[in-house]
Amino acid sequence: MGESSVLSLRLDPGLKRQLDKLAQATRRSRSYLAAEAIREYVALNAWQVEEIKRAVAEADRGEFASEREVRRTMKKWVGSAS
């Protein structure tokens, strides 16, 4: 894993019990599971932020779907839900 640093956080008692149970069941430490959860959360949110930035840049360039394209797409989705 390489170099690491310590991070303290507060958990409500119920969440801590769940984390303890999961750690025991998976034979992993609470620290390992918490670090893994944070890693996944950060990756997901970083991806979402980048996608939003791309979408805003497209909008700033005026790259929008035409009204006709939007209607066609909406008809496709609304039609398939019926």
N, C-alpha and C. Protein backbone atom coordinates (compact mmCIF):
# COMPACT_ATOMS: atom_id res chain seq x y z
N MET A 1 0.81 -1.19 0.00
CA MET A 1 0.00 0.00 0.00
C MET A 1 0.86 1.25 0.00
N GLY A 2 2.04 1.17 0.55
CA GLY A 2 2.91 2.34 0.56
C GLY A 2 2.68 3.20 1.78
N GLU A 3 3.02 4.46 1.64
CA GLU A 3 2.90 5.40 2.74
C GLU A 3 1.43 5.68 3.06
N SER A 4 1.12 5.84 4.34
CA SER A 4 -0.25 6.16 4.73
C SER A 4 -0.22 7.13 5.90
N SER A 5 -1.35 7.71 6.19
CA SER A 5 -1.46 8.61 7.34
C SER A 5 -2.72 8.26 8.12
N VAL A 6 -2.79 8.76 9.33
CA VAL A 6 -3.89 8.44 10.23
C VAL A 6 -5.00 9.46 10.05
N LEU A 7 -6.24 8.98 10.06
CA LEU A 7 -7.42 9.83 9.99
C LEU A 7 -8.37 9.37 11.08
N SER A 8 -8.80 10.26 11.91
CA SER A 8 -9.77 9.92 12.95
C SER A 8 -11.14 10.38 12.50
N LEU A 9 -12.17 9.60 12.83
CA LEU A 9 -13.52 10.00 12.51
C LEU A 9 -14.48 9.46 13.56
N ARG A 10 -15.64 10.07 13.61
CA ARG A 10 -16.66 9.65 14.56
C ARG A 10 -17.75 8.90 13.81
N LEU A 11 -18.15 7.76 14.38
CA LEU A 11 -19.24 6.97 13.84
C LEU A 11 -20.31 6.82 14.90
N ASP A 12 -21.55 6.79 14.46
CA ASP A 12 -22.58 6.52 15.45
C ASP A 12 -22.45 5.05 15.87
N PRO A 13 -22.91 4.71 17.07
CA PRO A 13 -22.70 3.36 17.60
C PRO A 13 -23.24 2.25 16.70
N GLY A 14 -24.38 2.49 16.07
CA GLY A 14 -24.95 1.46 15.19
C GLY A 14 -24.07 1.17 13.99
N LEU A 15 -23.55 2.21 13.39
CA LEU A 15 -22.67 2.04 12.23
C LEU A 15 -21.37 1.35 12.64
N LYS A 16 -20.86 1.71 13.81
CA LYS A 16 -19.64 1.07 14.29
C LYS A 16 -19.86 -0.42 14.52
N ARG A 17 -21.02 -0.78 15.07
CA ARG A 17 -21.34 -2.22 15.27
C ARG A 17 -21.40 -2.94 13.92
N GLN A 18 -22.02 -2.30 12.94
CA GLN A 18 -22.09 -2.90 11.60
C GLN A 18 -20.70 -3.08 11.01
N LEU A 19 -19.87 -2.08 11.18
CA LEU A 19 -18.50 -2.14 10.68
C LEU A 19 -17.74 -3.26 11.38
N ASP A 20 -17.92 -3.37 12.69
CA ASP A 20 -17.26 -4.45 13.44
C ASP A 20 -17.70 -5.82 12.93
N LYS A 21 -19.00 -6.00 12.70
CA LYS A 21 -19.53 -7.28 12.20
C LYS A 21 -18.94 -7.59 10.83
N LEU A 22 -18.91 -6.59 9.97
CA LEU A 22 -18.36 -6.80 8.63
C LEU A 22 -16.87 -7.13 8.69
N ALA A 23 -16.15 -6.43 9.55
CA ALA A 23 -14.72 -6.70 9.70
C ALA A 23 -14.49 -8.13 10.16
N GLN A 24 -15.29 -8.56 11.10
CA GLN A 24 -15.15 -9.93 11.60
C GLN A 24 -15.50 -10.95 10.52
N ALA A 25 -16.59 -10.71 9.81
CA ALA A 25 -17.04 -11.64 8.77
C ALA A 25 -16.05 -11.74 7.62
N THR A 26 -15.40 -10.64 7.28
CA THR A 26 -14.49 -10.63 6.14
C THR A 26 -13.03 -10.82 6.55
N ARG A 27 -12.82 -10.90 7.86
CA ARG A 27 -11.46 -11.04 8.40
C ARG A 27 -10.55 -9.91 7.93
N ARG A 28 -11.12 -8.74 7.94
CA ARG A 28 -10.40 -7.52 7.61
C ARG A 28 -10.49 -6.59 8.81
N SER A 29 -9.61 -5.63 8.88
CA SER A 29 -9.67 -4.66 9.97
C SER A 29 -10.70 -3.58 9.65
N ARG A 30 -11.17 -2.92 10.70
CA ARG A 30 -12.06 -1.78 10.48
C ARG A 30 -11.36 -0.73 9.64
N SER A 31 -10.08 -0.51 9.91
CA SER A 31 -9.33 0.49 9.15
C SER A 31 -9.28 0.15 7.67
N TYR A 32 -9.06 -1.13 7.37
CA TYR A 32 -9.01 -1.55 5.97
C TYR A 32 -10.35 -1.28 5.29
N LEU A 33 -11.44 -1.70 5.95
CA LEU A 33 -12.76 -1.52 5.36
C LEU A 33 -13.12 -0.04 5.20
N ALA A 34 -12.79 0.77 6.19
CA ALA A 34 -13.08 2.20 6.11
C ALA A 34 -12.28 2.84 4.97
N ALA A 35 -11.01 2.49 4.87
CA ALA A 35 -10.17 3.05 3.80
C ALA A 35 -10.70 2.64 2.43
N GLU A 36 -11.13 1.39 2.31
CA GLU A 36 -11.68 0.90 1.03
C GLU A 36 -12.96 1.65 0.68
N ALA A 37 -13.83 1.85 1.66
CA ALA A 37 -15.07 2.58 1.42
C ALA A 37 -14.79 4.02 1.00
N ILE A 38 -13.85 4.66 1.65
CA ILE A 38 -13.50 6.04 1.30
C ILE A 38 -12.89 6.10 -0.09
N ARG A 39 -12.04 5.11 -0.44
CA ARG A 39 -11.44 5.04 -1.76
C ARG A 39 -12.52 4.98 -2.84
N GLU A 40 -13.50 4.10 -2.65
CA GLU A 40 -14.58 3.95 -3.62
C GLU A 40 -15.43 5.21 -3.71
N TYR A 41 -15.72 5.82 -2.57
CA TYR A 41 -16.52 7.05 -2.54
C TYR A 41 -15.82 8.17 -3.29
N VAL A 42 -14.54 8.33 -3.03
CA VAL A 42 -13.77 9.39 -3.68
C VAL A 42 -13.70 9.15 -5.19
N ALA A 43 -13.48 7.92 -5.60
CA ALA A 43 -13.41 7.61 -7.03
C ALA A 43 -14.74 7.91 -7.72
N LEU A 44 -15.83 7.48 -7.11
CA LEU A 44 -17.15 7.72 -7.70
C LEU A 44 -17.44 9.21 -7.81
N ASN A 45 -17.19 9.94 -6.75
CA ASN A 45 -17.50 11.36 -6.77
C ASN A 45 -16.56 12.13 -7.68
N ALA A 46 -15.32 11.73 -7.79
CA ALA A 46 -14.39 12.37 -8.72
C ALA A 46 -14.88 12.17 -10.15
N TRP A 47 -15.37 10.97 -10.45
CA TRP A 47 -15.90 10.67 -11.78
C TRP A 47 -17.11 11.57 -12.07
N GLN A 48 -18.01 11.68 -11.09
CA GLN A 48 -19.20 12.51 -11.29
C GLN A 48 -18.84 13.97 -11.51
N VAL A 49 -17.90 14.48 -10.74
CA VAL A 49 -17.48 15.88 -10.89
C VAL A 49 -16.90 16.10 -12.29
N GLU A 50 -16.08 15.18 -12.77
CA GLU A 50 -15.50 15.33 -14.11
C GLU A 50 -16.58 15.30 -15.19
N GLU A 51 -17.57 14.42 -15.03
CA GLU A 51 -18.66 14.36 -16.01
C GLU A 51 -19.46 15.66 -16.01
N ILE A 52 -19.69 16.22 -14.84
CA ILE A 52 -20.41 17.50 -14.75
C ILE A 52 -19.60 18.60 -15.43
N LYS A 53 -18.30 18.63 -15.21
CA LYS A 53 -17.45 19.63 -15.84
C LYS A 53 -17.51 19.51 -17.35
N ARG A 54 -17.48 18.27 -17.86
CA ARG A 54 -17.58 18.06 -19.32
C ARG A 54 -18.92 18.55 -19.85
N ALA A 55 -19.99 18.24 -19.11
CA ALA A 55 -21.32 18.65 -19.56
C ALA A 55 -21.44 20.17 -19.56
N VAL A 56 -20.92 20.83 -18.56
CA VAL A 56 -20.97 22.30 -18.51
C VAL A 56 -20.16 22.88 -19.66
N ALA A 57 -19.01 22.30 -19.96
CA ALA A 57 -18.20 22.79 -21.08
C ALA A 57 -18.96 22.63 -22.40
N GLU A 58 -19.66 21.50 -22.57
CA GLU A 58 -20.46 21.30 -23.78
C GLU A 58 -21.56 22.35 -23.86
N ALA A 59 -22.22 22.61 -22.74
CA ALA A 59 -23.29 23.61 -22.72
C ALA A 59 -22.72 24.99 -23.03
N ASP A 60 -21.56 25.30 -22.46
CA ASP A 60 -20.93 26.60 -22.74
C ASP A 60 -20.60 26.76 -24.22
N ARG A 61 -20.32 25.65 -24.89
CA ARG A 61 -20.04 25.70 -26.34
C ARG A 61 -21.33 25.68 -27.16
N GLY A 62 -22.47 25.56 -26.48
CA GLY A 62 -23.76 25.55 -27.18
C GLY A 62 -24.11 24.20 -27.77
N GLU A 63 -23.49 23.17 -27.28
CA GLU A 63 -23.74 21.82 -27.80
C GLU A 63 -24.93 21.20 -27.06
N PHE A 64 -26.12 21.56 -27.52
CA PHE A 64 -27.35 21.05 -26.94
C PHE A 64 -28.06 20.16 -27.94
N ALA A 65 -28.91 19.29 -27.43
CA ALA A 65 -29.77 18.52 -28.31
C ALA A 65 -30.85 19.46 -28.84
N SER A 66 -31.26 19.23 -30.07
CA SER A 66 -32.34 20.04 -30.62
C SER A 66 -33.66 19.64 -29.95
N GLU A 67 -34.64 20.51 -30.09
CA GLU A 67 -35.96 20.19 -29.51
C GLU A 67 -36.51 18.90 -30.12
N ARG A 68 -36.27 18.71 -31.39
CA ARG A 68 -36.74 17.50 -32.07
C ARG A 68 -36.08 16.25 -31.49
N GLU A 69 -34.76 16.33 -31.22
CA GLU A 69 -34.04 15.20 -30.63
C GLU A 69 -34.56 14.89 -29.22
N VAL A 70 -34.83 15.94 -28.46
CA VAL A 70 -35.35 15.74 -27.11
C VAL A 70 -36.72 15.09 -27.16
N ARG A 71 -37.59 15.57 -28.03
CA ARG A 71 -38.93 14.98 -28.15
C ARG A 71 -38.86 13.52 -28.58
N ARG A 72 -37.99 13.22 -29.53
CA ARG A 72 -37.84 11.84 -30.01
C ARG A 72 -37.37 10.93 -28.87
N THR A 73 -36.40 11.40 -28.09
CA THR A 73 -35.89 10.61 -26.98
C THR A 73 -36.98 10.44 -25.90
N MET A 74 -37.68 11.50 -25.58
CA MET A 74 -38.74 11.42 -24.57
C MET A 74 -39.83 10.46 -25.02
N LYS A 75 -40.19 10.51 -26.28
CA LYS A 75 -41.23 9.63 -26.81
C LYS A 75 -40.79 8.18 -26.70
N LYS A 76 -39.52 7.94 -26.96
CA LYS A 76 -38.97 6.58 -26.87
C LYS A 76 -39.08 6.06 -25.43
N TRP A 77 -38.69 6.89 -24.46
CA TRP A 77 -38.70 6.45 -23.06
C TRP A 77 -40.11 6.39 -22.49
N VAL A 78 -40.93 7.37 -22.80
CA VAL A 78 -42.31 7.36 -22.30
C VAL A 78 -43.09 6.23 -22.95
N GLY A 79 -42.84 6.03 -24.22
CA GLY A 79 -43.51 4.95 -24.94
C GLY A 79 -43.16 3.58 -24.41
N SER A 80 -41.90 3.39 -23.99
CA SER A 80 -41.48 2.08 -23.48
C SER A 80 -41.95 1.84 -22.06
N ALA A 81 -42.34 2.91 -21.34
CA ALA A 81 -42.81 2.76 -19.96
C ALA A 81 -44.29 2.40 -19.91
N SER A 82 -44.99 2.59 -21.01
CA SER A 82 -46.44 2.33 -21.02
C SER A 82 -46.75 0.86 -21.14
